C-alpha atoms as a PDB file:
ATOM      1  CA  MET A   1     145.762 133.701  67.519  1.00  0.00           C
ATOM      2  CA  ALA A   2     147.337 134.497  63.950  1.00  0.00           C
ATOM      3  CA  ARG A   3     146.549 132.027  61.327  1.00  0.00           C
ATOM      4  CA  GLU A   4     150.246 131.246  61.069  1.00  0.00           C
ATOM      5  CA  ALA A   5     150.975 130.654  64.758  1.00  0.00           C
ATOM      6  CA  ARG A   6     147.994 128.297  64.762  1.00  0.00           C
ATOM      7  CA  ALA A   7     149.243 126.268  61.836  1.00  0.00           C
ATOM      8  CA  GLU A   8     152.534 126.002  63.763  1.00  0.00           C
ATOM      9  CA  ILE A   9     151.021 124.468  66.773  1.00  0.00           C
ATOM     10  CA  ARG A  10     148.877 122.327  64.796  1.00  0.00           C
ATOM     11  CA  GLN A  11     152.249 120.980  63.322  1.00  0.00           C
ATOM     12  CA  LYS A  12     154.161 120.684  66.435  1.00  0.00           C
ATOM     13  CA  PHE A  13     151.254 118.889  68.133  1.00  0.00           C
ATOM     14  CA  ALA A  14     151.018 116.330  65.515  1.00  0.00           C
ATOM     15  CA  GLU A  15     154.893 115.874  65.620  1.00  0.00           C
ATOM     16  CA  ASN A  16     154.551 115.253  69.595  1.00  0.00           C
ATOM     17  CA  GLU A  17     151.214 113.227  69.712  1.00  0.00           C
ATOM     18  CA  ALA A  18     152.859 109.804  69.680  1.00  0.00           C
ATOM     19  CA  GLN A  19     155.068 110.922  72.750  1.00  0.00           C
ATOM     20  CA  TYR A  20     151.850 112.144  74.542  1.00  0.00           C
ATOM     21  CA  GLN A  21     150.146 108.784  73.861  1.00  0.00           C
ATOM     22  CA  ASP A  22     153.164 106.859  75.233  1.00  0.00           C
ATOM     23  CA  LEU A  23     153.233 109.081  78.271  1.00  0.00           C
ATOM     24  CA  ARG A  24     149.572 108.315  78.807  1.00  0.00           C
ATOM     25  CA  THR A  25     150.160 104.583  78.414  1.00  0.00           C
ATOM     26  CA  GLU A  26     152.965 104.931  81.062  1.00  0.00           C
ATOM     27  CA  ILE A  27     151.094 106.974  83.531  1.00  0.00           C
ATOM     28  CA  LEU A  28     147.925 104.600  83.543  1.00  0.00           C
ATOM     29  CA  TYR A  29     150.301 101.527  83.925  1.00  0.00           C
ATOM     30  CA  CYS A  30     151.946 103.265  87.159  1.00  0.00           C
ATOM     31  CA  LEU A  31     148.898 104.273  88.616  1.00  0.00           C
ATOM     32  CA  LYS A  32     146.864 100.794  88.101  1.00  0.00           C
ATOM     33  CA  LYS A  33     149.983  99.231  89.437  1.00  0.00           C
ATOM     34  CA  ALA A  34     150.398 101.547  92.479  1.00  0.00           C
ATOM     35  CA  LEU A  35     146.871 101.679  93.469  1.00  0.00           C
ATOM     36  CA  SER A  36     146.094  97.832  92.959  1.00  0.00           C
ATOM     37  CA  ALA A  37     148.406  96.733  95.942  1.00  0.00           C
ATOM     38  CA  PRO A  38     146.650  94.767  98.646  1.00  0.00           C
ATOM     39  CA  ASP A  39     147.140  97.425 101.124  1.00  0.00           C
ATOM     40  CA  SER A  40     146.022 100.434  98.764  1.00  0.00           C
ATOM     41  CA  VAL A  41     142.769 102.260  98.827  1.00  0.00           C
ATOM     42  CA  LYS A  42     139.545 101.087  96.828  1.00  0.00           C
ATOM     43  CA  ILE A  43     139.486 102.862  93.553  1.00  0.00           C
ATOM     44  CA  HIS A  44     136.100 103.369  91.417  1.00  0.00           C
ATOM     45  CA  SER A  45     138.035 104.318  88.306  1.00  0.00           C
ATOM     46  CA  ILE A  46     141.437 105.365  86.792  1.00  0.00           C
ATOM     47  CA  THR A  47     141.352 107.102  83.302  1.00  0.00           C
ATOM     48  CA  ALA A  48     143.988 108.973  81.421  1.00  0.00           C
ATOM     49  CA  ARG A  49     143.825 110.894  77.977  1.00  0.00           C
ATOM     50  CA  VAL A  50     145.612 113.218  75.707  1.00  0.00           C
ATOM     51  CA  LYS A  51     143.905 116.613  75.337  1.00  0.00           C
ATOM     52  CA  SER A  52     142.564 116.804  71.821  1.00  0.00           C
ATOM     53  CA  LEU A  53     143.942 119.626  69.637  1.00  0.00           C
ATOM     54  CA  ASP A  54     140.833 121.654  69.391  1.00  0.00           C
ATOM     55  CA  SER A  55     140.600 121.796  73.038  1.00  0.00           C
ATOM     56  CA  PHE A  56     144.211 122.624  73.268  1.00  0.00           C
ATOM     57  CA  LEU A  57     143.910 125.623  71.049  1.00  0.00           C
ATOM     58  CA  GLU A  58     140.535 126.788  72.729  1.00  0.00           C
ATOM     59  CA  LYS A  59     142.790 126.841  75.979  1.00  0.00           C
ATOM     60  CA  ILE A  60     145.539 128.637  74.318  1.00  0.00           C
ATOM     61  CA  ASP A  61     143.216 131.395  73.297  1.00  0.00           C
ATOM     62  CA  ARG A  62     141.228 131.499  76.789  1.00  0.00           C
ATOM     63  CA  LYS A  63     144.725 131.701  78.644  1.00  0.00           C
ATOM     64  CA  SER A  64     146.299 133.869  76.082  1.00  0.00           C
ATOM     65  CA  TYR A  65     149.477 131.332  76.311  1.00  0.00           C
ATOM     66  CA  THR A  66     152.663 132.775  74.633  1.00  0.00           C
ATOM     67  CA  SER A  67     154.628 129.556  74.804  1.00  0.00           C
ATOM     68  CA  PRO A  68     151.623 127.147  74.994  1.00  0.00           C
ATOM     69  CA  PHE A  69     153.650 123.816  74.964  1.00  0.00           C
ATOM     70  CA  ASP A  70     155.697 124.879  78.069  1.00  0.00           C
ATOM     71  CA  GLN A  71     152.644 126.710  79.668  1.00  0.00           C
ATOM     72  CA  SER A  72     149.969 123.940  79.201  1.00  0.00           C
ATOM     73  CA  GLU A  73     150.651 121.280  81.844  1.00  0.00           C
ATOM     74  CA  ASP A  74     147.665 119.136  81.177  1.00  0.00           C
ATOM     75  CA  LEU A  75     148.245 117.986  77.530  1.00  0.00           C
ATOM     76  CA  VAL A  76     148.405 114.419  79.350  1.00  0.00           C
ATOM     77  CA  GLY A  77     146.074 114.022  82.095  1.00  0.00           C
ATOM     78  CA  ALA A  78     144.816 111.330  84.246  1.00  0.00           C
ATOM     79  CA  ARG A  79     141.740 111.051  86.591  1.00  0.00           C
ATOM     80  CA  ILE A  80     141.372 108.941  89.820  1.00  0.00           C
ATOM     81  CA  VAL A  81     137.868 108.477  91.298  1.00  0.00           C
ATOM     82  CA  CYS A  82     138.138 107.005  94.888  1.00  0.00           C
ATOM     83  CA  LEU A  83     135.380 106.094  97.253  1.00  0.00           C
ATOM     84  CA  PHE A  84     135.582 108.035 100.321  1.00  0.00           C
ATOM     85  CA  LEU A  85     137.423 111.556 101.519  1.00  0.00           C
ATOM     86  CA  ALA A  86     139.884 109.851 103.676  1.00  0.00           C
ATOM     87  CA  ASP A  87     141.208 108.209 100.349  1.00  0.00           C
ATOM     88  CA  LEU A  88     142.319 111.311  99.076  1.00  0.00           C
ATOM     89  CA  SER A  89     145.337 111.606 101.693  1.00  0.00           C
ATOM     90  CA  ASN A  90     146.226 108.179 100.868  1.00  0.00           C
ATOM     91  CA  ILE A  91     146.134 108.792  97.091  1.00  0.00           C
ATOM     92  CA  GLN A  92     148.460 111.875  97.948  1.00  0.00           C
ATOM     93  CA  ARG A  93     150.969 109.677  99.460  1.00  0.00           C
ATOM     94  CA  ILE A  94     150.980 107.156  96.720  1.00  0.00           C
ATOM     95  CA  LEU A  95     151.434 109.729  94.061  1.00  0.00           C
ATOM     96  CA  HIS A  96     154.386 111.366  95.709  1.00  0.00           C
ATOM     97  CA  GLU A  97     155.918 107.860  95.841  1.00  0.00           C
ATOM     98  CA  THR A  98     155.234 106.993  92.342  1.00  0.00           C
ATOM     99  CA  PHE A  99     156.146 110.098  90.444  1.00  0.00           C
ATOM    100  CA  GLU A 100     157.685 113.524  90.952  1.00  0.00           C
ATOM    101  CA  VAL A 101     154.934 115.806  92.165  1.00  0.00           C
ATOM    102  CA  ILE A 102     155.857 119.333  90.989  1.00  0.00           C
ATOM    103  CA  SER A 103     152.872 121.158  92.442  1.00  0.00           C
ATOM    104  CA  GLU A 104     149.471 120.364  93.931  1.00  0.00           C
ATOM    105  CA  GLU A 105     146.018 122.173  94.700  1.00  0.00           C
ATOM    106  CA  ASP A 106     143.754 121.101  97.046  1.00  0.00           C
ATOM    107  CA  LYS A 107     140.259 122.383  96.054  1.00  0.00           C
ATOM    108  CA  VAL A 108     138.446 120.515  98.487  1.00  0.00           C
ATOM    109  CA  ASN A 109     140.101 121.983 101.726  1.00  0.00           C
ATOM    110  CA  GLU A 110     141.480 125.120 100.602  1.00  0.00           C
ATOM    111  CA  GLY A 111     138.906 126.333  98.094  1.00  0.00           C
ATOM    112  CA  ASP A 112     136.314 129.127  98.847  1.00  0.00           C
ATOM    113  CA  ALA A 113     133.418 127.142 100.447  1.00  0.00           C
ATOM    114  CA  SER A 114     131.045 129.569  98.553  1.00  0.00           C
ATOM    115  CA  SER A 115     132.309 129.486  95.172  1.00  0.00           C
ATOM    116  CA  PHE A 116     130.698 127.464  92.391  1.00  0.00           C
ATOM    117  CA  GLY A 117     132.714 124.676  90.788  1.00  0.00           C
ATOM    118  CA  TYR A 118     133.811 120.995  91.242  1.00  0.00           C
ATOM    119  CA  MET A 119     136.005 120.090  94.171  1.00  0.00           C
ATOM    120  CA  SER A 120     139.189 117.992  93.621  1.00  0.00           C
ATOM    121  CA  HIS A 121     142.720 117.660  94.235  1.00  0.00           C
ATOM    122  CA  HIS A 122     145.004 118.457  91.315  1.00  0.00           C
ATOM    123  CA  TYR A 123     148.861 117.413  90.799  1.00  0.00           C
ATOM    124  CA  ILE A 124     151.203 118.454  88.343  1.00  0.00           C
ATOM    125  CA  CYS A 125     153.843 115.767  87.970  1.00  0.00           C
ATOM    126  CA  ARG A 126     156.674 114.115  85.727  1.00  0.00           C
ATOM    127  CA  LEU A 127     157.762 110.571  85.684  1.00  0.00           C
ATOM    128  CA  SER A 128     160.078 110.011  88.632  1.00  0.00           C
ATOM    129  CA  SER A 129     163.916 109.370  88.158  1.00  0.00           C
ATOM    130  CA  THR A 130     163.187 105.467  88.370  1.00  0.00           C
ATOM    131  CA  HIS A 131     162.015 105.916  84.537  1.00  0.00           C
ATOM    132  CA  SER A 132     165.246 105.878  83.135  1.00  0.00           C
ATOM    133  CA  GLY A 133     166.574 104.584  80.001  1.00  0.00           C
ATOM    134  CA  PRO A 134     165.773 105.211  76.128  1.00  0.00           C
ATOM    135  CA  ARG A 135     162.447 104.082  76.302  1.00  0.00           C
ATOM    136  CA  TYR A 136     161.742 107.266  78.463  1.00  0.00           C
ATOM    137  CA  ASP A 137     164.137 109.766  77.006  1.00  0.00           C
ATOM    138  CA  ALA A 138     161.294 111.566  74.928  1.00  0.00           C
ATOM    139  CA  ILE A 139     158.462 111.670  77.733  1.00  0.00           C
ATOM    140  CA  LYS A 140     160.260 111.895  81.248  1.00  0.00           C
ATOM    141  CA  ARG A 141     160.244 115.778  81.146  1.00  0.00           C
ATOM    142  CA  ILE A 142     156.863 116.394  80.139  1.00  0.00           C
ATOM    143  CA  ASN A 143     154.615 117.641  82.673  1.00  0.00           C
ATOM    144  CA  PHE A 144     151.283 115.969  83.098  1.00  0.00           C
ATOM    145  CA  GLU A 145     148.095 116.447  85.624  1.00  0.00           C
ATOM    146  CA  ILE A 146     146.477 114.019  87.679  1.00  0.00           C
ATOM    147  CA  GLN A 147     143.069 114.811  89.285  1.00  0.00           C
ATOM    148  CA  VAL A 148     141.782 113.026  92.418  1.00  0.00           C
ATOM    149  CA  ARG A 149     137.986 113.090  93.144  1.00  0.00           C
ATOM    150  CA  THR A 150     135.630 111.171  95.249  1.00  0.00           C
ATOM    151  CA  ILE A 151     132.505 109.579  93.335  1.00  0.00           C
ATOM    152  CA  LEU A 152     130.361 112.495  94.382  1.00  0.00           C
ATOM    153  CA  MET A 153     132.725 114.912  93.361  1.00  0.00           C
ATOM    154  CA  ASP A 154     133.110 113.309  90.117  1.00  0.00           C
ATOM    155  CA  ALA A 155     129.309 113.406  89.555  1.00  0.00           C
ATOM    156  CA  TRP A 156     129.061 117.088  90.362  1.00  0.00           C
ATOM    157  CA  ALA A 157     131.942 117.691  87.978  1.00  0.00           C
ATOM    158  CA  ASN A 158     130.134 115.823  85.175  1.00  0.00           C
ATOM    159  CA  ILE A 159     126.668 117.146  85.580  1.00  0.00           C
ATOM    160  CA  SER A 160     127.772 120.738  85.906  1.00  0.00           C
ATOM    161  CA  HIS A 161     129.827 120.139  82.837  1.00  0.00           C
ATOM    162  CA  TYR A 162     126.833 118.691  80.995  1.00  0.00           C
ATOM    163  CA  LEU A 163     124.881 121.872  82.057  1.00  0.00           C
ATOM    164  CA  ALA A 164     127.507 124.053  80.475  1.00  0.00           C
ATOM    165  CA  TYR A 165     128.144 126.396  83.457  1.00  0.00           C
ATOM    166  CA  LYS A 166     131.782 126.904  83.757  1.00  0.00           C
ATOM    167  CA  ASN A 167     131.525 129.504  86.355  1.00  0.00           C
ATOM    168  CA  GLU A 168     129.468 131.099  88.713  1.00  0.00           C
ATOM    169  CA  GLU A 169     128.920 134.275  86.590  1.00  0.00           C
ATOM    170  CA  SER A 170     127.596 132.039  83.623  1.00  0.00           C
ATOM    171  CA  ILE A 171     124.680 130.639  85.970  1.00  0.00           C
ATOM    172  CA  PRO A 172     121.256 132.228  85.455  1.00  0.00           C
ATOM    173  CA  GLY A 173     120.528 134.465  88.580  1.00  0.00           C
ATOM    174  CA  ASP A 174     117.413 132.376  89.733  1.00  0.00           C
ATOM    175  CA  LEU A 175     119.553 129.097  89.656  1.00  0.00           C
ATOM    176  CA  VAL A 176     122.480 130.315  91.583  1.00  0.00           C
ATOM    177  CA  ARG A 177     120.997 129.239  95.074  1.00  0.00           C
ATOM    178  CA  ASP A 178     120.016 125.937  93.950  1.00  0.00           C
ATOM    179  CA  PHE A 179     123.450 125.102  92.656  1.00  0.00           C
ATOM    180  CA  HIS A 180     125.071 126.192  95.712  1.00  0.00           C
ATOM    181  CA  ALA A 181     122.643 124.062  97.778  1.00  0.00           C
ATOM    182  CA  LEU A 182     123.274 121.046  95.540  1.00  0.00           C
ATOM    183  CA  SER A 183     126.881 121.530  95.701  1.00  0.00           C
ATOM    184  CA  GLY A 184     126.535 121.759  99.544  1.00  0.00           C
ATOM    185  CA  LEU A 185     124.448 118.506  99.579  1.00  0.00           C
ATOM    186  CA  LEU A 186     126.968 116.509  97.865  1.00  0.00           C
ATOM    187  CA  TYR A 187     129.954 117.738 100.256  1.00  0.00           C
ATOM    188  CA  VAL A 188     127.692 116.800 103.345  1.00  0.00           C
ATOM    189  CA  ALA A 189     126.745 113.217 101.564  1.00  0.00           C
ATOM    190  CA  ASP A 190     130.612 112.879 101.018  1.00  0.00           C
ATOM    191  CA  ARG A 191     131.416 113.349 104.724  1.00  0.00           C
ATOM    192  CA  GLN A 192     128.447 111.001 105.748  1.00  0.00           C
ATOM    193  CA  PHE A 193     129.735 108.164 103.585  1.00  0.00           C
ATOM    194  CA  GLN A 194     133.174 108.579 105.121  1.00  0.00           C
ATOM    195  CA  SER A 195     131.476 108.516 108.563  1.00  0.00           C
ATOM    196  CA  LEU A 196     129.790 105.349 107.492  1.00  0.00           C
ATOM    197  CA  ASN A 197     133.006 104.006 106.186  1.00  0.00           C
ATOM    198  CA  ARG A 198     134.570 104.583 109.613  1.00  0.00           C
ATOM    199  CA  ASP A 199     131.573 102.999 111.395  1.00  0.00           C
ATOM    200  CA  ALA A 200     131.590  99.875 109.229  1.00  0.00           C
ATOM    201  CA  ALA A 201     135.489  99.477 110.161  1.00  0.00           C
ATOM    202  CA  HIS A 202     134.444  99.725 113.765  1.00  0.00           C
ATOM    203  CA  SER A 203     131.636  97.202 113.573  1.00  0.00           C
ATOM    204  CA  ALA A 204     134.233  94.756 111.721  1.00  0.00           C
ATOM    205  CA  ALA A 205     136.718  95.212 114.529  1.00  0.00           C
ATOM    206  CA  GLN A 206     134.023  94.823 117.257  1.00  0.00           C
ATOM    207  CA  ALA A 207     132.909  91.533 115.651  1.00  0.00           C
ATOM    208  CA  GLU A 208     136.360  90.385 115.353  1.00  0.00           C
ATOM    209  CA  LYS A 209     136.963  90.954 118.955  1.00  0.00           C
ATOM    210  CA  GLU A 210     133.532  89.525 120.319  1.00  0.00           C
ATOM    211  CA  VAL A 211     133.274  86.556 117.813  1.00  0.00           C
ATOM    212  CA  PHE A 212     136.412  85.476 116.225  1.00  0.00           C
ATOM    213  CA  GLN A 213     138.780  86.080 119.471  1.00  0.00           C
ATOM    214  CA  SER A 214     136.154  85.313 122.242  1.00  0.00           C
ATOM    215  CA  GLU A 215     136.380  82.181 124.174  1.00  0.00           C
ATOM    216  CA  GLU A 216     132.646  81.456 123.771  1.00  0.00           C
ATOM    217  CA  ILE A 217     130.164  82.694 121.134  1.00  0.00           C
ATOM    218  CA  GLN A 218     127.434  84.750 122.781  1.00  0.00           C
ATOM    219  CA  SER A 219     123.846  85.424 121.511  1.00  0.00           C
ATOM    220  CA  SER A 220     124.036  88.412 119.432  1.00  0.00           C
ATOM    221  CA  ALA A 221     122.705  89.893 116.176  1.00  0.00           C
ATOM    222  CA  ILE A 222     123.491  88.314 112.614  1.00  0.00           C
ATOM    223  CA  ASN A 223     124.945  90.547 110.268  1.00  0.00           C
ATOM    224  CA  THR A 224     127.833  90.393 107.503  1.00  0.00           C
ATOM    225  CA  ASP A 225     130.407  91.224 110.297  1.00  0.00           C
ATOM    226  CA  THR A 226     129.475  88.607 112.730  1.00  0.00           C
ATOM    227  CA  VAL A 227     128.883  85.853 110.340  1.00  0.00           C
ATOM    228  CA  SER A 228     132.252  86.571 108.564  1.00  0.00           C
ATOM    229  CA  ALA A 229     134.043  86.311 111.898  1.00  0.00           C
ATOM    230  CA  LEU A 230     132.151  83.300 112.790  1.00  0.00           C
ATOM    231  CA  PHE A 231     133.142  81.499 109.389  1.00  0.00           C
ATOM    232  CA  ARG A 232     136.835  82.566 109.985  1.00  0.00           C
ATOM    233  CA  ARG A 233     136.488  81.055 113.688  1.00  0.00           C
ATOM    234  CA  GLN A 234     134.516  77.772 112.449  1.00  0.00           C
ATOM    235  CA  TYR A 235     135.955  77.444 108.987  1.00  0.00           C
ATOM    236  CA  PRO A 236     139.465  78.761 109.307  1.00  0.00           C
ATOM    237  CA  ASP A 237     140.829  76.392 106.333  1.00  0.00           C
ATOM    238  CA  ARG A 238     138.049  77.143 103.872  1.00  0.00           C
ATOM    239  CA  PRO A 239     138.240  79.854 100.947  1.00  0.00           C
ATOM    240  CA  HIS A 240     136.391  82.911 101.950  1.00  0.00           C
ATOM    241  CA  VAL A 241     133.980  83.669  99.289  1.00  0.00           C
ATOM    242  CA  GLY A 242     133.050  87.201  99.888  1.00  0.00           C
ATOM    243  CA  GLU A 243     130.653  89.723 101.560  1.00  0.00           C
ATOM    244  CA  LYS A 244     128.137  89.411  98.700  1.00  0.00           C
ATOM    245  CA  GLN A 245     127.390  85.572  99.186  1.00  0.00           C
ATOM    246  CA  ILE A 246     127.574  86.264 103.036  1.00  0.00           C
ATOM    247  CA  ALA A 247     124.846  88.811 102.549  1.00  0.00           C
ATOM    248  CA  GLU A 248     122.684  86.325 100.336  1.00  0.00           C
ATOM    249  CA  PHE A 249     123.296  83.552 103.145  1.00  0.00           C
ATOM    250  CA  ILE A 250     122.042  85.753 105.584  1.00  0.00           C
ATOM    251  CA  THR A 251     118.882  86.617 103.803  1.00  0.00           C
ATOM    252  CA  GLU A 252     118.467  82.790 103.604  1.00  0.00           C
ATOM    253  CA  LEU A 253     118.558  82.462 107.345  1.00  0.00           C
ATOM    254  CA  ALA A 254     115.105  84.248 107.686  1.00  0.00           C
ATOM    255  CA  TRP A 255     113.499  81.262 105.733  1.00  0.00           C
ATOM    256  CA  ILE A 256     113.837  79.155 109.031  1.00  0.00           C
ATOM    257  CA  ASP A 257     113.488  82.141 111.356  1.00  0.00           C
ATOM    258  CA  LEU A 258     117.198  81.913 112.307  1.00  0.00           C
ATOM    259  CA  TYR A 259     118.349  85.357 113.865  1.00  0.00           C
ATOM    260  CA  ASP A 260     120.817  84.483 116.301  1.00  0.00           C
ATOM    261  CA  LEU A 261     124.540  84.094 116.052  1.00  0.00           C
ATOM    262  CA  ARG A 262     125.007  81.547 118.650  1.00  0.00           C
ATOM    263  CA  GLU A 263     122.037  79.292 117.434  1.00  0.00           C
ATOM    264  CA  LEU A 264     123.816  79.432 114.101  1.00  0.00           C
ATOM    265  CA  ALA A 265     127.076  78.520 115.494  1.00  0.00           C
ATOM    266  CA  ASP A 266     125.448  75.448 117.311  1.00  0.00           C
ATOM    267  CA  ILE A 267     123.957  74.303 114.124  1.00  0.00           C
ATOM    268  CA  LEU A 268     127.028  74.762 111.819  1.00  0.00           C
ATOM    269  CA  ARG A 269     129.253  72.983 114.743  1.00  0.00           C
ATOM    270  CA  ASP A 270     126.449  69.929 115.119  1.00  0.00           C
ATOM    271  CA  ASN A 271     126.356  69.473 111.314  1.00  0.00           C
ATOM    272  CA  TYR A 272     129.806  70.077 110.576  1.00  0.00           C
ATOM    273  CA  ALA A 273     130.762  66.253 110.186  1.00  0.00           C
ATOM    274  CA  GLY A 274     127.924  65.633 108.099  1.00  0.00           C
ATOM    275  CA  ALA A 275     128.505  68.599 105.848  1.00  0.00           C
ATOM    276  CA  LEU A 276     132.054  67.064 105.178  1.00  0.00           C
ATOM    277  CA  ASP A 277     130.494  63.651 104.441  1.00  0.00           C
ATOM    278  CA  TYR A 278     128.595  65.399 102.025  1.00  0.00           C
ATOM    279  CA  GLU A 279     131.411  67.321 100.514  1.00  0.00           C
ATOM    280  CA  LYS A 280     133.285  63.987  99.970  1.00  0.00           C
ATOM    281  CA  GLU A 281     130.326  62.354  98.431  1.00  0.00           C
ATOM    282  CA  TYR A 282     129.190  65.235  96.116  1.00  0.00           C
ATOM    283  CA  PRO A 283     132.365  67.460  95.541  1.00  0.00           C
ATOM    284  CA  PRO A 284     131.551  70.852  94.021  1.00  0.00           C
ATOM    285  CA  GLY A 285     133.108  71.664  90.529  1.00  0.00           C
ATOM    286  CA  ARG A 286     136.651  71.754  89.286  1.00  0.00           C
ATOM    287  CA  ASP A 287     136.996  75.534  89.960  1.00  0.00           C
ATOM    288  CA  ALA A 288     136.374  75.089  93.531  1.00  0.00           C
ATOM    289  CA  ASP A 289     139.140  72.384  93.748  1.00  0.00           C
ATOM    290  CA  GLY A 290     136.860  69.863  95.167  1.00  0.00           C
ATOM    291  CA  ILE A 291     135.842  71.702  98.513  1.00  0.00           C
ATOM    292  CA  PHE A 292     133.230  74.223  99.549  1.00  0.00           C
ATOM    293  CA  GLY A 293     134.007  77.854 100.495  1.00  0.00           C
ATOM    294  CA  ASP A 294     132.990  78.892 103.752  1.00  0.00           C
ATOM    295  CA  VAL A 295     129.717  79.902 102.595  1.00  0.00           C
ATOM    296  CA  GLY A 296     129.047  76.625 100.593  1.00  0.00           C
ATOM    297  CA  LEU A 297     129.990  74.518 103.711  1.00  0.00           C
ATOM    298  CA  ALA A 298     127.669  76.488 105.956  1.00  0.00           C
ATOM    299  CA  ARG A 299     124.670  76.170 103.591  1.00  0.00           C
ATOM    300  CA  THR A 300     125.283  72.314 103.423  1.00  0.00           C
ATOM    301  CA  ALA A 301     125.282  72.122 107.191  1.00  0.00           C
ATOM    302  CA  LEU A 302     122.151  74.152 107.309  1.00  0.00           C
ATOM    303  CA  ALA A 303     120.413  72.015 104.797  1.00  0.00           C
ATOM    304  CA  ILE A 304     121.113  68.814 106.653  1.00  0.00           C
ATOM    305  CA  HIS A 305     119.765  70.625 109.644  1.00  0.00           C
ATOM    306  CA  SER A 306     116.603  71.788 108.241  1.00  0.00           C
ATOM    307  CA  PRO A 307     114.560  69.968 105.400  1.00  0.00           C
ATOM    308  CA  THR A 308     112.925  73.163 105.038  1.00  0.00           C
ATOM    309  CA  TYR A 309     116.030  75.071 104.005  1.00  0.00           C
ATOM    310  CA  ALA A 310     117.184  72.556 101.993  1.00  0.00           C
ATOM    311  CA  MET A 311     114.005  72.298  99.759  1.00  0.00           C
ATOM    312  CA  ARG A 312     113.801  75.904  99.396  1.00  0.00           C
ATOM    313  CA  LYS A 313     117.169  76.557  98.564  1.00  0.00           C
ATOM    314  CA  TYR A 314     118.112  73.274  96.461  1.00  0.00           C
ATOM    315  CA  HIS A 315     114.410  72.001  95.658  1.00  0.00           C
ATOM    316  CA  LYS A 316     115.881  68.640  96.932  1.00  0.00           C
ATOM    317  CA  ARG A 317     118.151  68.152  93.921  1.00  0.00           C
ATOM    318  CA  ALA A 318     121.354  67.627  95.914  1.00  0.00           C
ATOM    319  CA  PHE A 319     120.320  66.166  99.225  1.00  0.00           C
ATOM    320  CA  GLN A 320     117.560  63.804  98.613  1.00  0.00           C
ATOM    321  CA  GLY A 321     119.539  60.762  98.091  1.00  0.00           C
ATOM    322  CA  HIS A 322     122.114  61.737 100.910  1.00  0.00           C
ATOM    323  CA  SER A 323     121.968  59.751 103.918  1.00  0.00           C
ATOM    324  CA  LYS A 324     122.354  62.959 106.247  1.00  0.00           C
ATOM    325  CA  PHE A 325     119.266  64.440 104.461  1.00  0.00           C
ATOM    326  CA  ARG A 326     116.795  62.882 107.087  1.00  0.00           C
ATOM    327  CA  LYS A 327     113.124  63.451 106.653  1.00  0.00           C
ATOM    328  CA  LYS A 328     112.396  65.146 110.030  1.00  0.00           C
ATOM    329  CA  SER A 329     110.696  68.162 110.911  1.00  0.00           C
ATOM    330  CA  ASP A 330     112.990  71.308 111.505  1.00  0.00           C
ATOM    331  CA  GLY A 331     112.477  71.196 115.299  1.00  0.00           C
ATOM    332  CA  GLN A 332     113.717  67.626 115.723  1.00  0.00           C
ATOM    333  CA  LYS A 333     117.369  66.631 116.738  1.00  0.00           C
END
C-alpha cells in the first residue's frame, strides 16, 4: 500500500473511531439485554471490541482491499461464548430479533470437517430499524460482525491463535495429524456436553414427576434433582437458594448415613414445627428477611433430628440453648 494511501486511511480511521466506540457500546448493551432475559440461554461471556488500526492495516494488505472502510465488515465486532451446541440456534434467533442480519456463515455444520481452523457462527449485522433518532444517525449504517461459539470452540480458537498457526499450510507436517485429532476431540466433547445437558434436563423432569407431583414420596436416590423437587414440595413458600447449596446439603447427609429420599422427607416433615419455632427464636440476618431459605430450614430440621449432624454442622453454637435440641442418640424418636 502506498504511503499516501496509508496516511489517508489512518486519518479517516481516527476521524471515525469515536463512532466505532459508540457502536461497540450499543452492540454490547443490546446483546446483554437480549441474552439476560429469564427465558434466554446461559451465556459464558459477551465481549465487544473496535479493531485496532494496526490490525486494520494488516487486513487491508492481506485482503488487497481497494475500498477498505466499505469492504471490512468487522471494524466493530462482538463475540458471544455459550455453553452448549444447542444454544447456537437459540442465539441465532435472538440475533435476528435484535439486529438486522445481513449475512451469516455457519462454520460448524457447513465447514469442511477435515480442514484446520476454529469453528463458530459468524453474523454480519447492522442496528435494526428500532434504533432511530439523532443518537444513532452516525452509526446505524455501519456493518459489524458477531461471532458465536461454545466454550470449547473458543478454547480451540485461543490456543491455535497462541500457537500462531493461521491455516493448515502453516502447520509443521509432523503436527498436522495431532491438530486434526485435537480439533476432532473438542468437537466430540462439545457433543457429549450437549448430551449431558439433555440428560440432566430429563432427570430434572423425572424428579418433577416422581417427587413434586406424586401423591406419596417413594424410596429413591438422593441427588440434586430429587432434593430440589422435595424442597419445592415441602417448602413451597421458601426462597430457593440454589443448586450449589443443595449439593453441599447432600454432602452433609452422608455424615449421618442418610441416602434415601423418603427417609429425608419424613425427617423434614416430623421436625418442621420445631424448625419454625427455632426460626422464630433465632431468625437469620437482615439479608434473609428473618426467614430461612429451603436449605436453611431443612438444615434446621435435620439438626433438631440429629445431634450428630448439629454438632458437626454447627458445633452446638446455634442449637445448644434451644428447647428442640434434645440430648438424645440419633436413633431415638
